Amino acid sequence: MRKISKEELSEILKQHKIWLESEYTMGSRADLSGASLSGANLSGANLSGANLPEANLSRANLEGAYLYRADLSGANLSGANLSGADLYGADLSGANLSKADLSEADLSEANLSKADLSEANLSGANLRYANLSSANLSGVNLSEANLSGVNISEANLEGAYLYRADLSGANLSGANLSGADLYGADLSKADLSEADLSEADLSEANLSKADLSEANLSKATLSGADLEGAKMENKNKIEVKKETTVTITLEMTGEEAKILKDITYGKRTGVDFTSIPRVKLIVNRLLDSVELV
């Protein structure tokens, strides 16, 4: 690990500022790769485009820092304060961000693949079109975060807090969302195929046109969820807790369109499908996959 004195760091930041302001014709780009900066105060620092791979920034104060397209791959940012930081397009692949404060940070288009974000605070953060594939997000706080169009395939979101988060169009295929809080989340057009949603809270969530094929929804709470147009081709049983109302809307053609079936307090109620054989077959197949527990 490369040790950096306060004086040396000050000079590096000075030369980097000149490099940025001269549009890369003067000064020099900050090279802090492998640097030991644990606990350093870099709040408000402009490190846009800087090289920080494998740097140790654990518990560092980077509040409001500018890290636009910076290389932080493999860096240790555990417990760091990055609230309100600009990390647009930054490379954080394989970085350790466990228990870091990233609230209100801009991480849009950032590369967070295989990063450790366990128990990190990302409330209100902007992660639009970020890459979070295979990242560890267990216990993370993503309440009201913008995750539209994000790639979170194969990621671990066990017990994650995603209250009213925007996950519209997100790729969550194969992700572990067991026990996650997705109350009121926007999952419209999201890919949740083969995702583990067991014991997840999806109350009031928007799952319209979402792909839930082969997803595990055992013991998930779906009360008040919007499933209009959702794809739910599951081989496994869907277990729905008693005293839960699930509204399922099936999109079909003509008079068959938007056939509604309610499962209320463990009782099947709804319209008579006997006059529509094809609809009856489809709906019964879906209902047969529902197990009340």
Protein backbone atom coordinates (compact mmCIF):
# COMPACT_ATOMS: atom_id res chain seq x y z
CA MET A 1 0.00 0.00 0.00
CA ARG A 2 1.42 3.34 -1.08
CA LYS A 3 1.61 5.92 1.70
CA ILE A 4 0.76 9.53 0.82
CA SER A 5 1.66 12.47 3.07
CA LYS A 6 -0.69 15.44 3.47
CA GLU A 7 1.77 17.63 1.59
CA GLU A 8 2.07 15.16 -1.27
CA LEU A 9 -1.71 14.76 -1.45
CA SER A 10 -2.17 18.53 -1.53
CA GLU A 11 0.27 18.83 -4.45
CA ILE A 12 -1.41 15.97 -6.36
CA LEU A 13 -4.81 17.65 -5.96
CA LYS A 14 -3.33 20.99 -7.05
CA GLN A 15 -1.81 19.53 -10.23
CA HIS A 16 -5.02 17.62 -10.95
CA LYS A 17 -7.04 20.84 -10.70
CA ILE A 18 -4.71 22.51 -13.21
CA TRP A 19 -5.04 19.45 -15.46
CA LEU A 20 -8.83 19.71 -15.42
CA GLU A 21 -9.02 23.48 -15.84
CA SER A 22 -6.53 23.47 -18.75
CA GLU A 23 -8.53 20.73 -20.46
CA TYR A 24 -5.70 18.25 -19.92
CA THR A 25 -2.91 20.37 -21.46
CA MET A 26 -1.16 21.40 -18.23
CA GLY A 27 -0.62 19.94 -14.77
CA SER A 28 -1.06 16.20 -14.32
CA ARG A 29 -3.85 13.73 -13.78
CA ALA A 30 -4.08 12.53 -10.18
CA ASP A 31 -2.60 9.07 -9.77
CA LEU A 32 -3.57 7.69 -6.37
CA SER A 33 -3.63 4.05 -7.36
CA GLY A 34 -2.96 1.83 -4.37
CA ALA A 35 -2.67 4.89 -2.12
CA SER A 36 -3.35 4.67 1.62
CA LEU A 37 -5.90 7.40 2.32
CA SER A 38 -7.88 5.81 5.11
CA GLY A 39 -9.76 8.46 7.10
CA ALA A 40 -8.63 11.28 4.79
CA ASN A 41 -10.75 14.42 4.50
CA LEU A 42 -11.52 14.88 0.80
CA SER A 43 -14.92 16.50 1.14
CA GLY A 44 -15.73 18.58 -1.92
CA ALA A 45 -12.49 17.55 -3.65
CA ASN A 46 -12.50 17.44 -7.45
CA LEU A 47 -11.08 14.08 -8.48
CA SER A 48 -12.96 13.77 -11.75
CA GLY A 49 -11.17 11.33 -14.02
CA ALA A 50 -8.59 10.51 -11.34
CA ASN A 51 -6.85 7.15 -11.03
CA LEU A 52 -7.69 5.53 -7.67
CA PRO A 53 -7.74 1.78 -8.34
CA GLU A 54 -7.01 -0.37 -5.28
CA ALA A 55 -6.77 2.79 -3.13
CA ASN A 56 -7.62 2.52 0.57
CA LEU A 57 -10.27 5.15 1.27
CA SER A 58 -11.95 3.38 4.15
CA ARG A 59 -13.75 5.80 6.48
CA ALA A 60 -12.63 8.70 4.28
CA ASN A 61 -14.77 11.83 4.06
CA LEU A 62 -15.72 12.30 0.41
CA GLU A 63 -18.96 14.16 1.03
CA GLY A 64 -19.90 16.16 -2.05
CA ALA A 65 -16.70 15.11 -3.83
CA TYR A 66 -16.47 15.11 -7.62
CA LEU A 67 -15.45 11.68 -8.86
CA TYR A 68 -16.94 11.89 -12.34
CA ARG A 69 -15.65 8.93 -14.38
CA ALA A 70 -12.91 8.28 -11.79
CA ASP A 71 -11.28 4.85 -11.66
CA LEU A 72 -12.03 3.37 -8.23
CA SER A 73 -11.96 -0.26 -9.28
CA GLY A 74 -11.03 -2.55 -6.41
CA ALA A 75 -10.82 0.40 -4.01
CA ASN A 76 -11.64 0.08 -0.32
CA LEU A 77 -14.36 2.59 0.51
CA SER A 78 -15.88 0.73 3.42
CA GLY A 79 -17.49 3.09 5.90
CA ALA A 80 -16.64 6.09 3.73
CA ASN A 81 -18.87 9.17 3.56
CA LEU A 82 -19.83 9.68 -0.09
CA SER A 83 -23.13 11.41 0.50
CA GLY A 84 -24.00 13.75 -2.34
CA ALA A 85 -20.88 12.74 -4.25
CA ASP A 86 -20.75 12.86 -8.06
CA LEU A 87 -19.78 9.36 -9.22
CA TYR A 88 -21.34 9.56 -12.66
CA GLY A 89 -19.77 6.93 -14.91
CA ALA A 90 -17.19 6.00 -12.26
CA ASP A 91 -15.57 2.56 -12.30
CA LEU A 92 -16.30 0.96 -8.93
CA SER A 93 -16.12 -2.62 -10.12
CA GLY A 94 -15.01 -4.94 -7.34
CA ALA A 95 -14.85 -2.03 -4.87
CA ASN A 96 -15.63 -2.46 -1.17
CA LEU A 97 -18.42 -0.02 -0.29
CA SER A 98 -19.81 -1.92 2.67
CA LYS A 99 -21.49 0.37 5.21
CA ALA A 100 -20.60 3.41 3.10
CA ASP A 101 -22.90 6.44 3.04
CA LEU A 102 -23.91 7.06 -0.58
CA SER A 103 -27.18 8.84 0.16
CA GLU A 104 -28.20 11.27 -2.59
CA ALA A 105 -25.05 10.36 -4.56
CA ASP A 106 -25.07 10.35 -8.37
CA LEU A 107 -24.02 6.88 -9.54
CA SER A 108 -25.77 6.95 -12.89
CA GLU A 109 -23.99 4.84 -15.51
CA ALA A 110 -21.41 3.80 -12.90
CA ASN A 111 -19.84 0.34 -13.04
CA LEU A 112 -20.51 -1.41 -9.71
CA SER A 113 -20.26 -4.97 -10.97
CA LYS A 114 -19.10 -7.38 -8.25
CA ALA A 115 -18.87 -4.47 -5.77
CA ASP A 116 -19.62 -5.05 -2.08
CA LEU A 117 -22.40 -2.67 -1.05
CA SER A 118 -23.65 -4.65 1.92
CA GLU A 119 -25.40 -2.47 4.50
CA ALA A 120 -24.54 0.67 2.52
CA ASN A 121 -26.87 3.68 2.59
CA LEU A 122 -28.00 4.53 -0.95
CA SER A 123 -31.26 6.23 -0.03
CA GLY A 124 -32.25 8.78 -2.66
CA ALA A 125 -29.23 7.91 -4.80
CA ASN A 126 -29.34 8.09 -8.60
CA LEU A 127 -28.25 4.76 -10.10
CA ARG A 128 -29.94 5.15 -13.46
CA TYR A 129 -28.40 2.72 -15.98
CA ALA A 130 -25.68 1.66 -13.53
CA ASN A 131 -24.17 -1.82 -13.73
CA LEU A 132 -24.68 -3.74 -10.47
CA SER A 133 -24.41 -7.24 -11.88
CA SER A 134 -23.22 -9.81 -9.33
CA ALA A 135 -22.87 -7.07 -6.69
CA ASN A 136 -23.46 -7.77 -2.99
CA LEU A 137 -26.35 -5.55 -1.88
CA SER A 138 -27.47 -7.50 1.16
CA GLY A 139 -29.06 -5.24 3.77
CA VAL A 140 -28.56 -2.16 1.60
CA ASN A 141 -30.82 0.88 1.96
CA LEU A 142 -32.11 1.87 -1.50
CA SER A 143 -35.29 3.59 -0.38
CA GLU A 144 -36.57 6.06 -2.99
CA ALA A 145 -33.45 5.51 -5.09
CA ASN A 146 -33.57 5.78 -8.88
CA LEU A 147 -32.63 2.38 -10.34
CA SER A 148 -34.47 2.64 -13.63
CA GLY A 149 -32.79 0.67 -16.39
CA VAL A 150 -30.14 -0.65 -14.01
CA ASN A 151 -28.51 -4.06 -14.43
CA ILE A 152 -28.73 -5.97 -11.12
CA SER A 153 -28.75 -9.45 -12.59
CA GLU A 154 -27.43 -12.20 -10.29
CA ALA A 155 -26.95 -9.62 -7.50
CA ASN A 156 -27.50 -10.35 -3.81
CA LEU A 157 -30.25 -8.09 -2.43
CA GLU A 158 -31.27 -10.29 0.45
CA GLY A 159 -33.08 -8.21 3.08
CA ALA A 160 -32.50 -5.03 1.07
CA TYR A 161 -34.64 -1.97 1.76
CA LEU A 162 -36.14 -0.78 -1.55
CA TYR A 163 -39.15 1.13 -0.27
CA ARG A 164 -40.69 3.06 -3.17
CA ALA A 165 -37.53 2.66 -5.25
CA ASP A 166 -37.73 3.17 -9.02
CA LEU A 167 -36.73 -0.12 -10.65
CA SER A 168 -38.70 0.35 -13.84
CA GLY A 169 -37.13 -1.54 -16.72
CA ALA A 170 -34.38 -2.88 -14.46
CA ASN A 171 -32.70 -6.23 -15.08
CA LEU A 172 -33.08 -8.27 -11.89
CA SER A 173 -32.93 -11.67 -13.51
CA GLY A 174 -31.55 -14.29 -11.16
CA ALA A 175 -31.18 -11.74 -8.34
CA ASN A 176 -31.63 -12.71 -4.70
CA LEU A 177 -34.37 -10.48 -3.26
CA SER A 178 -35.46 -12.81 -0.50
CA GLY A 179 -36.90 -10.90 2.43
CA ALA A 180 -36.45 -7.59 0.61
CA ASP A 181 -38.73 -4.63 1.33
CA LEU A 182 -40.15 -3.55 -2.04
CA TYR A 183 -43.23 -1.81 -0.69
CA GLY A 184 -44.54 0.62 -3.30
CA ALA A 185 -41.57 0.03 -5.57
CA ASP A 186 -41.89 0.63 -9.32
CA LEU A 187 -40.96 -2.63 -11.04
CA SER A 188 -42.90 -2.00 -14.22
CA LYS A 189 -41.35 -3.76 -17.21
CA ALA A 190 -38.58 -5.09 -14.95
CA ASP A 191 -36.97 -8.45 -15.69
CA LEU A 192 -37.41 -10.58 -12.56
CA SER A 193 -37.11 -13.91 -14.29
CA GLU A 194 -35.65 -16.61 -12.02
CA ALA A 195 -35.30 -14.04 -9.22
CA ASP A 196 -35.71 -15.13 -5.61
CA LEU A 197 -38.52 -13.04 -4.10
CA SER A 198 -39.37 -15.42 -1.28
CA GLU A 199 -40.76 -13.62 1.78
CA ALA A 200 -40.31 -10.28 0.01
CA ASP A 201 -42.78 -7.46 0.67
CA LEU A 202 -44.23 -6.37 -2.68
CA SER A 203 -47.27 -4.63 -1.24
CA GLU A 204 -48.53 -1.79 -3.45
CA ALA A 205 -45.66 -2.46 -5.87
CA ASN A 206 -46.06 -1.77 -9.58
CA LEU A 207 -45.28 -5.01 -11.41
CA SER A 208 -47.19 -4.19 -14.57
CA LYS A 209 -45.64 -5.88 -17.61
CA ALA A 210 -42.84 -7.28 -15.43
CA ASP A 211 -41.29 -10.64 -16.30
CA LEU A 212 -41.75 -12.94 -13.28
CA SER A 213 -41.28 -16.18 -15.16
CA GLU A 214 -39.72 -18.86 -12.96
CA ALA A 215 -39.40 -16.34 -10.10
CA ASN A 216 -39.68 -17.67 -6.55
CA LEU A 217 -42.58 -15.86 -4.86
CA SER A 218 -43.06 -18.26 -1.97
CA LYS A 219 -44.48 -16.46 1.08
CA ALA A 220 -44.15 -13.10 -0.68
CA THR A 221 -46.65 -10.36 0.21
CA LEU A 222 -48.42 -9.03 -2.88
CA SER A 223 -51.36 -7.17 -1.35
CA GLY A 224 -52.36 -4.25 -3.54
CA ALA A 225 -49.67 -5.02 -6.11
CA ASP A 226 -50.34 -4.17 -9.76
CA LEU A 227 -49.69 -7.27 -11.88
CA GLU A 228 -51.40 -6.10 -15.04
CA GLY A 229 -49.75 -7.69 -18.06
CA ALA A 230 -47.10 -9.39 -15.92
CA LYS A 231 -45.56 -12.61 -17.18
CA MET A 232 -45.91 -15.30 -14.51
CA GLU A 233 -44.96 -18.63 -16.01
CA ASN A 234 -43.82 -20.48 -12.90
CA LYS A 235 -43.09 -24.15 -12.47
CA ASN A 236 -42.87 -23.72 -8.72
CA LYS A 237 -45.79 -23.00 -6.42
CA ILE A 238 -46.64 -19.40 -5.60
CA GLU A 239 -47.50 -19.23 -1.93
CA VAL A 240 -49.80 -16.40 -0.88
CA LYS A 241 -50.35 -15.63 2.79
CA LYS A 242 -53.91 -15.94 4.05
CA GLU A 243 -55.79 -12.68 4.54
CA THR A 244 -53.95 -11.21 1.58
CA THR A 245 -55.70 -9.85 -1.50
CA VAL A 246 -53.88 -10.31 -4.77
CA THR A 247 -55.28 -8.77 -7.92
CA ILE A 248 -54.17 -10.43 -11.15
CA THR A 249 -55.09 -8.92 -14.51
CA LEU A 250 -54.61 -11.02 -17.63
CA GLU A 251 -54.31 -9.21 -20.93
CA MET A 252 -56.14 -10.93 -23.77
CA THR A 253 -57.84 -9.97 -26.97
CA GLY A 254 -61.35 -8.68 -27.53
CA GLU A 255 -63.92 -9.52 -24.85
CA GLU A 256 -61.34 -11.66 -23.06
CA ALA A 257 -59.15 -8.65 -22.27
CA LYS A 258 -58.43 -7.66 -18.67
CA ILE A 259 -60.15 -10.66 -17.06
CA LEU A 260 -59.87 -10.09 -13.32
CA LYS A 261 -59.49 -12.70 -10.63
CA ASP A 262 -59.29 -11.89 -6.91
CA ILE A 263 -57.98 -14.19 -4.26
CA THR A 264 -59.49 -12.77 -1.10
CA TYR A 265 -59.02 -14.17 2.41
CA GLY A 266 -58.25 -17.58 1.00
CA LYS A 267 -61.42 -17.75 -1.13
CA ARG A 268 -61.60 -17.66 -4.89
CA THR A 269 -64.08 -15.13 -6.21
CA GLY A 270 -64.65 -13.57 -9.61
CA VAL A 271 -66.43 -13.96 -12.89
CA ASP A 272 -67.75 -17.12 -14.52
CA PHE A 273 -65.26 -18.41 -17.08
CA THR A 274 -67.36 -21.36 -18.26
CA SER A 275 -68.43 -19.51 -21.38
CA ILE A 276 -64.84 -18.73 -22.33
CA PRO A 277 -63.02 -22.10 -22.42
CA ARG A 278 -59.61 -20.75 -23.41
CA VAL A 279 -59.67 -18.07 -20.70
CA LYS A 280 -60.85 -20.63 -18.15
CA LEU A 281 -57.90 -22.87 -18.98
CA ILE A 282 -55.33 -20.09 -18.64
CA VAL A 283 -56.77 -18.65 -15.43
CA ASN A 284 -57.18 -22.04 -13.77
CA ARG A 285 -53.59 -22.90 -14.62
CA LEU A 286 -52.48 -19.70 -12.89
CA LEU A 287 -54.73 -20.25 -9.88
CA ASP A 288 -53.51 -23.82 -9.53
CA SER A 289 -50.02 -22.40 -9.00
CA VAL A 290 -51.26 -20.38 -6.03
CA GLU A 291 -50.95 -22.04 -2.66
CA LEU A 292 -52.50 -20.41 0.40
CA VAL A 293 -50.33 -20.66 3.48
